[in-house]
Amino acid sequence: MGDTFPSERELCTHFGVSRTAVRSAIAQMEGRGLIEMGPNRRRKVRALPAEKRAS
C-alpha cells in the first residue's frame, strides 16, 4: 500500500473508457477508502479490496 495510483488519463487510455467513467470509478474507490489524494495531487493506494470467496 502507498503505491501511486494511475492518473485519470492513464486509466482512460489503458481501459479505453471515458474520463467520466474513470472519475465515477475513482469516486467509488475513494468512498470505500481504497485510494486517497496524496502529495502533488497524485492518488495513493490505501487498502486493497477484500476478496469475495465462493460459497
C-alpha atoms as a PDB file:
ATOM      1  CA  MET A   1       0.000   0.000   0.000  1.00  0.00           C
ATOM      2  CA  GLY A   2       1.041   3.561  -0.500  1.00  0.00           C
ATOM      3  CA  ASP A   3       1.785   2.953  -4.181  1.00  0.00           C
ATOM      4  CA  THR A   4       0.889   5.707  -6.616  1.00  0.00           C
ATOM      5  CA  PHE A   5      -2.472   5.163  -8.316  1.00  0.00           C
ATOM      6  CA  PRO A   6      -2.555   5.696 -12.112  1.00  0.00           C
ATOM      7  CA  SER A   7      -3.743   9.060 -13.412  1.00  0.00           C
ATOM      8  CA  GLU A   8      -7.159   9.538 -14.992  1.00  0.00           C
ATOM      9  CA  ARG A   9      -5.503   9.842 -18.392  1.00  0.00           C
ATOM     10  CA  GLU A  10      -3.549   6.601 -17.931  1.00  0.00           C
ATOM     11  CA  LEU A  11      -6.708   4.761 -16.885  1.00  0.00           C
ATOM     12  CA  CYS A  12      -8.721   6.132 -19.841  1.00  0.00           C
ATOM     13  CA  THR A  13      -6.037   5.011 -22.277  1.00  0.00           C
ATOM     14  CA  HIS A  14      -5.476   1.605 -20.684  1.00  0.00           C
ATOM     15  CA  PHE A  15      -9.159   0.665 -20.435  1.00  0.00           C
ATOM     16  CA  GLY A  16     -10.462   2.600 -23.446  1.00  0.00           C
ATOM     17  CA  VAL A  17     -13.170   4.355 -21.439  1.00  0.00           C
ATOM     18  CA  SER A  18     -14.273   7.957 -20.973  1.00  0.00           C
ATOM     19  CA  ARG A  19     -12.926  10.277 -18.317  1.00  0.00           C
ATOM     20  CA  THR A  20     -16.447  10.365 -16.845  1.00  0.00           C
ATOM     21  CA  ALA A  21     -16.364   6.582 -16.332  1.00  0.00           C
ATOM     22  CA  VAL A  22     -12.913   6.768 -14.760  1.00  0.00           C
ATOM     23  CA  ARG A  23     -13.940   9.585 -12.418  1.00  0.00           C
ATOM     24  CA  SER A  24     -17.013   7.620 -11.329  1.00  0.00           C
ATOM     25  CA  ALA A  25     -14.899   4.554 -10.524  1.00  0.00           C
ATOM     26  CA  ILE A  26     -12.332   6.668  -8.669  1.00  0.00           C
ATOM     27  CA  ALA A  27     -15.076   8.322  -6.608  1.00  0.00           C
ATOM     28  CA  GLN A  28     -16.366   4.891  -5.594  1.00  0.00           C
ATOM     29  CA  MET A  29     -12.882   3.709  -4.608  1.00  0.00           C
ATOM     30  CA  GLU A  30     -12.267   6.898  -2.608  1.00  0.00           C
ATOM     31  CA  GLY A  31     -15.634   6.457  -0.902  1.00  0.00           C
ATOM     32  CA  ARG A  32     -14.646   2.943   0.159  1.00  0.00           C
ATOM     33  CA  GLY A  33     -11.297   4.159   1.482  1.00  0.00           C
ATOM     34  CA  LEU A  34      -9.257   2.235  -1.086  1.00  0.00           C
ATOM     35  CA  ILE A  35      -7.447   5.260  -2.504  1.00  0.00           C
ATOM     36  CA  GLU A  36      -6.765   8.810  -1.336  1.00  0.00           C
ATOM     37  CA  MET A  37      -5.295  12.015  -2.688  1.00  0.00           C
ATOM     38  CA  GLY A  38      -1.620  12.138  -1.857  1.00  0.00           C
ATOM     39  CA  PRO A  39       1.073  14.795  -2.216  1.00  0.00           C
ATOM     40  CA  ASN A  40       1.323  16.661  -5.512  1.00  0.00           C
ATOM     41  CA  ARG A  41      -2.315  15.788  -6.330  1.00  0.00           C
ATOM     42  CA  ARG A  42      -1.436  12.155  -7.054  1.00  0.00           C
ATOM     43  CA  ARG A  43      -3.686   9.481  -5.611  1.00  0.00           C
ATOM     44  CA  LYS A  44      -2.244   6.721  -3.443  1.00  0.00           C
ATOM     45  CA  VAL A  45      -3.482   3.219  -2.706  1.00  0.00           C
ATOM     46  CA  ARG A  46      -4.679   2.991   0.926  1.00  0.00           C
ATOM     47  CA  ALA A  47      -6.070  -0.532   1.007  1.00  0.00           C
ATOM     48  CA  LEU A  48      -6.841  -3.472  -1.203  1.00  0.00           C
ATOM     49  CA  PRO A  49     -10.428  -4.712  -1.517  1.00  0.00           C
ATOM     50  CA  ALA A  50     -11.295  -7.849   0.413  1.00  0.00           C
ATOM     51  CA  GLU A  51     -11.616 -10.916  -1.789  1.00  0.00           C
ATOM     52  CA  LYS A  52     -15.051 -12.385  -2.212  1.00  0.00           C
ATOM     53  CA  ARG A  53     -14.977 -16.104  -1.615  1.00  0.00           C
ATOM     54  CA  ALA A  54     -17.143 -18.599  -3.443  1.00  0.00           C
ATOM     55  CA  SER A  55     -19.538 -20.469  -1.178  1.00  0.00           C
END
